[in-house]
Amino acid sequence: MIDRNRIAELVRQALVDKDGAEAAARAVDTAGALLLRPDRGANLGAPFDGRIMNRLLEVTPARIAVGRTGAGTRYRTNTMLRFRADHAMAKDAVMSEVEPALVEKLGLFELHTRATDKRNFLERPDAGRALSDQAKSILAEKVGKSPQLLVIYGDGLSASAINQHLAAFHEALQRELLSRGIKAAPAFFVRHSRVKVMDEIARIAGAEAACFVCGERPGLGFADSLSAYYIYNPREGATDADREVISNINPRGVPPAEGARRLADAIARVLREKKSGVVL
């Protein structure tokens, strides 16, 4: 994430250079936020229709109604700074790692894919879609034979989302599955994993169904969304058409507890119908 302490050091040094040590000693309360002026709807002057403009800004966090410089086409300074801050946050989410303490706290066992590290995971998507040989041996020991459901967690492309929301999601999902009588094997975490690894895992375990919850690819503004994929009896050659997904699981979209409820409902449906994906 953004290193706010480093930013503060740079600002203080700039103040020393400009106004002396006394200016740098003054405390500045940022409330943990970036000190950037609002830009959406603020750089346009008088809008053509203020009522409609306000409605547009209420229904989307997208970078709209930010205006341009004078009669030109360039973004204003505060818009460009926000863009760069959001881009940095997205990059941090992709490069971050899921905290081992979180995995341990939730009582999950951990497996690894063929990706040797984060860089290899990003450069070789195929490595994140296959378990390591050691992981295959551990899987057989941990989940038993032919479970009704496998609950798999993975970092995906935003470990930040897992770090922030997995605890609430996992607790709610365990409760929702239990209330529906769905028998899930012990949940586990797969480091440096991509969605399709769920197919191989389900085939190795002989599972009737599997779900895979991971961090979504970050956008420019939010980097903490989870996606929950689920599939019924994935056979060799299964494609994305055979699976379904619930996305945008975060406090601003689908809250984690609600996302867990929707996932449990969807799993109950595919188990009842004995199929998933476009065939439904």
Protein backbone atom coordinates (compact mmCIF):
# COMPACT_ATOMS: atom_id res chain seq x y z
CA MET A 1 0.00 0.00 0.00
CA ILE A 2 0.99 3.67 -0.09
CA ASP A 3 3.87 4.42 2.31
CA ARG A 4 2.41 7.44 4.07
CA ASN A 5 5.39 7.74 6.43
CA ARG A 6 7.76 8.10 3.49
CA ILE A 7 5.48 10.70 1.92
CA ALA A 8 5.43 12.62 5.21
CA GLU A 9 9.24 12.56 5.32
CA LEU A 10 9.47 13.98 1.81
CA VAL A 11 6.96 16.72 2.62
CA ARG A 12 8.80 17.70 5.80
CA GLN A 13 12.11 17.87 3.95
CA ALA A 14 10.51 20.10 1.31
CA LEU A 15 9.22 22.39 4.08
CA VAL A 16 12.69 22.55 5.64
CA ASP A 17 14.20 23.50 2.27
CA LYS A 18 11.56 26.17 1.70
CA ASP A 19 10.74 27.65 5.13
CA GLY A 20 13.22 26.23 7.60
CA ALA A 21 13.05 23.62 10.37
CA GLU A 22 10.29 25.42 12.31
CA ALA A 23 7.79 24.97 9.48
CA ALA A 24 8.59 21.26 9.22
CA ALA A 25 7.97 20.78 12.95
CA ARG A 26 4.31 21.79 12.69
CA ALA A 27 1.94 18.80 12.95
CA VAL A 28 -0.39 18.15 10.02
CA ASP A 29 -3.49 16.03 10.61
CA THR A 30 -4.28 14.07 7.44
CA ALA A 31 -6.84 11.76 9.09
CA GLY A 32 -5.09 8.96 7.20
CA ALA A 33 -6.17 10.35 3.84
CA LEU A 34 -4.41 11.82 0.84
CA LEU A 35 -4.57 15.63 0.88
CA LEU A 36 -6.15 16.09 -2.55
CA ARG A 37 -8.98 18.46 -3.32
CA PRO A 38 -12.21 16.93 -4.69
CA ASP A 39 -12.31 16.85 -8.48
CA ARG A 40 -15.52 15.09 -9.53
CA GLY A 41 -18.05 17.80 -10.34
CA ALA A 42 -15.74 20.47 -8.93
CA ASN A 43 -13.75 21.56 -11.99
CA LEU A 44 -16.61 22.21 -14.40
CA GLY A 45 -17.88 25.61 -13.44
CA ALA A 46 -21.67 25.76 -13.69
CA PRO A 47 -23.01 22.37 -14.96
CA PHE A 48 -25.57 22.33 -17.75
CA ASP A 49 -28.04 20.56 -15.46
CA GLY A 50 -26.93 20.48 -11.81
CA ARG A 51 -29.64 18.02 -10.75
CA ILE A 52 -28.64 15.41 -13.32
CA MET A 53 -24.96 15.99 -12.57
CA ASN A 54 -25.51 15.24 -8.88
CA ARG A 55 -27.44 12.07 -9.72
CA LEU A 56 -24.61 10.86 -11.99
CA LEU A 57 -22.04 11.42 -9.25
CA GLU A 58 -24.21 9.54 -6.72
CA VAL A 59 -24.59 6.36 -8.76
CA THR A 60 -20.96 5.77 -9.74
CA PRO A 61 -17.50 6.31 -8.24
CA ALA A 62 -16.08 6.49 -11.78
CA ARG A 63 -13.78 9.32 -12.80
CA ILE A 64 -16.46 11.47 -14.49
CA ALA A 65 -17.21 15.21 -14.53
CA VAL A 66 -13.61 16.11 -13.68
CA GLY A 67 -13.20 18.88 -16.21
CA ARG A 68 -10.10 19.95 -18.14
CA THR A 69 -7.57 22.77 -18.02
CA GLY A 70 -8.96 25.97 -19.52
CA ALA A 71 -10.04 25.30 -23.09
CA GLY A 72 -7.58 22.41 -23.38
CA THR A 73 -7.89 18.63 -23.08
CA ARG A 74 -5.49 17.95 -20.20
CA TYR A 75 -6.61 16.85 -16.73
CA ARG A 76 -6.30 19.34 -13.91
CA THR A 77 -3.56 18.76 -11.34
CA ASN A 78 -5.75 17.29 -8.59
CA THR A 79 -7.37 14.85 -11.04
CA MET A 80 -3.97 13.69 -12.30
CA LEU A 81 -2.68 13.25 -8.74
CA ARG A 82 -5.73 11.18 -7.81
CA PHE A 83 -5.23 9.06 -10.92
CA ARG A 84 -1.59 8.39 -10.01
CA ALA A 85 -2.47 7.59 -6.38
CA ASP A 86 -5.17 5.13 -7.50
CA HIS A 87 -2.77 3.55 -9.99
CA ALA A 88 -0.14 3.12 -7.26
CA MET A 89 -2.71 1.50 -4.97
CA ALA A 90 -3.72 -0.94 -7.74
CA LYS A 91 -0.08 -1.89 -8.34
CA ASP A 92 0.47 -2.41 -4.61
CA ALA A 93 -2.58 -4.71 -4.44
CA VAL A 94 -1.26 -6.85 -7.29
CA MET A 95 2.24 -7.12 -5.82
CA SER A 96 1.20 -7.67 -2.20
CA GLU A 97 1.06 -11.06 -0.47
CA VAL A 98 -1.66 -12.62 1.66
CA GLU A 99 -0.57 -12.44 5.29
CA PRO A 100 0.42 -15.87 6.71
CA ALA A 101 -0.99 -14.78 10.08
CA LEU A 102 -4.44 -14.45 8.50
CA VAL A 103 -4.28 -17.96 7.02
CA GLU A 104 -3.26 -19.34 10.42
CA LYS A 105 -5.91 -17.33 12.29
CA LEU A 106 -8.70 -18.73 10.11
CA GLY A 107 -7.46 -22.29 10.57
CA LEU A 108 -6.76 -22.82 6.87
CA PHE A 109 -4.06 -25.11 5.57
CA GLU A 110 -1.94 -23.73 2.75
CA LEU A 111 -1.00 -25.16 -0.64
CA HIS A 112 1.21 -23.76 -3.41
CA THR A 113 0.90 -23.71 -7.17
CA ARG A 114 3.76 -24.23 -9.60
CA ALA A 115 4.50 -20.48 -9.44
CA THR A 116 7.80 -20.13 -7.58
CA ASP A 117 7.20 -16.54 -6.40
CA LYS A 118 5.01 -13.50 -7.07
CA ARG A 119 6.99 -12.42 -10.13
CA ASN A 120 6.77 -15.87 -11.69
CA PHE A 121 3.05 -15.95 -10.88
CA LEU A 122 2.46 -12.68 -12.76
CA GLU A 123 4.68 -13.55 -15.72
CA ARG A 124 3.46 -17.14 -16.12
CA PRO A 125 -0.33 -17.38 -15.69
CA ASP A 126 -0.17 -21.11 -16.46
CA ALA A 127 1.97 -21.68 -13.34
CA GLY A 128 -0.81 -20.27 -11.16
CA ARG A 129 -3.36 -22.66 -12.67
CA ALA A 130 -1.63 -25.88 -11.57
CA LEU A 131 -0.73 -27.29 -8.14
CA SER A 132 2.81 -28.19 -7.23
CA ASP A 133 3.53 -31.90 -6.82
CA GLN A 134 3.89 -31.48 -3.06
CA ALA A 135 0.53 -29.68 -2.88
CA LYS A 136 -1.18 -32.57 -4.65
CA SER A 137 0.06 -34.98 -1.98
CA ILE A 138 -1.05 -32.69 0.86
CA LEU A 139 -4.47 -32.15 -0.72
CA ALA A 140 -5.26 -35.86 -0.76
CA GLU A 141 -4.41 -36.12 2.94
CA LYS A 142 -6.37 -33.06 4.07
CA VAL A 143 -9.72 -33.12 2.26
CA GLY A 144 -10.51 -36.82 2.08
CA LYS A 145 -12.14 -38.62 -0.82
CA SER A 146 -15.03 -37.28 -2.91
CA PRO A 147 -16.24 -34.35 -0.72
CA GLN A 148 -19.51 -32.69 -1.62
CA LEU A 149 -17.90 -29.24 -1.76
CA LEU A 150 -14.40 -27.77 -1.73
CA VAL A 151 -13.95 -24.23 -0.40
CA ILE A 152 -10.76 -22.79 -1.87
CA TYR A 153 -9.27 -19.35 -1.24
CA GLY A 154 -6.58 -17.80 -3.44
CA ASP A 155 -4.75 -14.51 -3.72
CA GLY A 156 -5.68 -13.93 -7.36
CA LEU A 157 -4.69 -10.44 -8.48
CA SER A 158 -5.41 -8.60 -5.24
CA ALA A 159 -4.01 -10.05 -2.04
CA SER A 160 -5.17 -6.81 -0.42
CA ALA A 161 -8.79 -7.89 -0.90
CA ILE A 162 -8.11 -11.20 0.85
CA ASN A 163 -6.25 -9.50 3.69
CA GLN A 164 -9.08 -7.03 4.27
CA HIS A 165 -12.24 -9.08 3.79
CA LEU A 166 -11.56 -12.82 3.95
CA ALA A 167 -12.09 -13.12 7.72
CA ALA A 168 -15.62 -11.70 7.54
CA PHE A 169 -16.43 -13.63 4.36
CA HIS A 170 -15.13 -16.97 5.63
CA GLU A 171 -17.01 -16.76 8.92
CA ALA A 172 -20.25 -15.93 7.12
CA LEU A 173 -19.77 -18.63 4.47
CA GLN A 174 -19.20 -21.40 7.03
CA ARG A 175 -22.41 -20.38 8.77
CA GLU A 176 -24.43 -20.19 5.53
CA LEU A 177 -23.24 -23.58 4.24
CA LEU A 178 -24.01 -25.24 7.56
CA SER A 179 -27.54 -23.81 7.63
CA ARG A 180 -28.20 -25.36 4.19
CA GLY A 181 -26.83 -28.76 5.09
CA ILE A 182 -23.99 -28.52 2.58
CA LYS A 183 -21.04 -30.71 3.54
CA ALA A 184 -17.79 -28.88 2.83
CA ALA A 185 -14.30 -30.28 3.26
CA PRO A 186 -11.89 -28.21 5.40
CA ALA A 187 -11.31 -24.86 3.67
CA PHE A 188 -7.79 -24.03 2.50
CA PHE A 189 -5.69 -21.31 0.88
CA VAL A 190 -3.66 -21.68 -2.34
CA ARG A 191 -0.84 -19.15 -2.65
CA HIS A 192 -0.08 -17.61 -6.06
CA SER A 193 -3.20 -19.09 -7.60
CA ARG A 194 -5.55 -18.27 -10.45
CA VAL A 195 -9.18 -19.26 -10.94
CA LYS A 196 -8.67 -22.31 -13.12
CA VAL A 197 -6.65 -24.10 -10.43
CA MET A 198 -10.01 -24.95 -8.86
CA ASP A 199 -10.74 -27.39 -11.70
CA GLU A 200 -7.59 -29.43 -11.13
CA ILE A 201 -8.11 -29.41 -7.37
CA ALA A 202 -11.70 -30.61 -7.69
CA ARG A 203 -10.71 -33.42 -10.05
CA ILE A 204 -7.88 -34.61 -7.79
CA ALA A 205 -10.20 -34.68 -4.77
CA GLY A 206 -13.15 -36.10 -6.70
CA ALA A 207 -15.33 -33.25 -5.40
CA GLU A 208 -18.91 -32.85 -6.56
CA ALA A 209 -18.57 -29.06 -6.61
CA ALA A 210 -15.95 -26.42 -5.82
CA CYS A 211 -15.82 -22.70 -5.11
CA PHE A 212 -12.79 -20.45 -5.43
CA VAL A 213 -12.72 -17.04 -3.76
CA CYS A 214 -9.94 -14.64 -4.71
CA GLY A 215 -9.00 -10.99 -5.05
CA GLU A 216 -10.30 -9.30 -8.20
CA ARG A 217 -8.04 -7.50 -10.63
CA PRO A 218 -7.82 -3.97 -9.12
CA GLY A 219 -9.48 -1.01 -10.78
CA LEU A 220 -8.40 2.62 -10.62
CA GLY A 221 -10.09 3.55 -7.38
CA PHE A 222 -10.79 0.27 -5.57
CA ALA A 223 -8.39 -2.60 -5.05
CA ASP A 224 -10.17 -4.64 -2.37
CA SER A 225 -12.92 -6.56 -4.18
CA LEU A 226 -13.37 -10.33 -3.92
CA SER A 227 -14.82 -12.62 -6.56
CA ALA A 228 -16.38 -15.99 -5.78
CA TYR A 229 -16.32 -18.58 -8.60
CA TYR A 230 -18.14 -21.90 -8.41
CA ILE A 231 -18.45 -24.94 -10.66
CA TYR A 232 -20.15 -28.33 -10.66
CA ASN A 233 -18.07 -31.46 -11.33
CA PRO A 234 -15.36 -29.86 -13.50
CA ARG A 235 -14.14 -32.34 -16.07
CA GLU A 236 -10.91 -32.24 -18.06
CA GLY A 237 -11.16 -29.34 -20.51
CA ALA A 238 -13.67 -27.33 -18.46
CA THR A 239 -13.86 -23.68 -19.53
CA ASP A 240 -15.16 -20.42 -18.06
CA ALA A 241 -18.52 -21.24 -19.67
CA ASP A 242 -18.85 -24.08 -17.15
CA ARG A 243 -18.44 -21.87 -14.07
CA GLU A 244 -20.31 -18.93 -12.57
CA VAL A 245 -19.15 -15.97 -10.49
CA ILE A 246 -20.32 -13.45 -7.91
CA SER A 247 -18.09 -10.37 -8.14
CA ASN A 248 -17.66 -6.94 -6.55
CA ILE A 249 -17.69 -8.33 -3.00
CA ASN A 250 -16.58 -5.41 -0.83
CA PRO A 251 -18.21 -3.00 1.64
CA ARG A 252 -19.18 -0.56 -1.14
CA GLY A 253 -20.63 -3.22 -3.44
CA VAL A 254 -21.81 -6.61 -2.20
CA PRO A 255 -20.89 -6.73 1.52
CA PRO A 256 -18.85 -9.85 2.46
CA ALA A 257 -21.66 -11.39 4.55
CA GLU A 258 -24.15 -10.87 1.72
CA GLY A 259 -21.67 -12.27 -0.80
CA ALA A 260 -21.30 -15.39 1.36
CA ARG A 261 -25.10 -15.80 1.50
CA ARG A 262 -25.39 -15.49 -2.29
CA LEU A 263 -22.57 -17.98 -2.81
CA ALA A 264 -24.18 -20.52 -0.47
CA ASP A 265 -27.49 -20.13 -2.32
CA ALA A 266 -25.75 -20.61 -5.67
CA ILE A 267 -23.88 -23.71 -4.48
CA ALA A 268 -27.12 -25.21 -3.17
CA ARG A 269 -28.63 -24.60 -6.61
CA VAL A 270 -25.83 -26.22 -8.64
CA LEU A 271 -25.79 -29.21 -6.30
CA ARG A 272 -29.54 -29.58 -6.72
CA GLU A 273 -29.48 -29.09 -10.51
CA LYS A 274 -26.22 -31.02 -10.91
CA LYS A 275 -24.85 -28.48 -13.42
CA SER A 276 -23.41 -24.99 -13.60
CA GLY A 277 -22.50 -22.35 -16.16
CA VAL A 278 -24.25 -21.52 -19.41
CA VAL A 279 -26.10 -24.87 -19.50
CA LEU A 280 -28.41 -23.46 -16.80
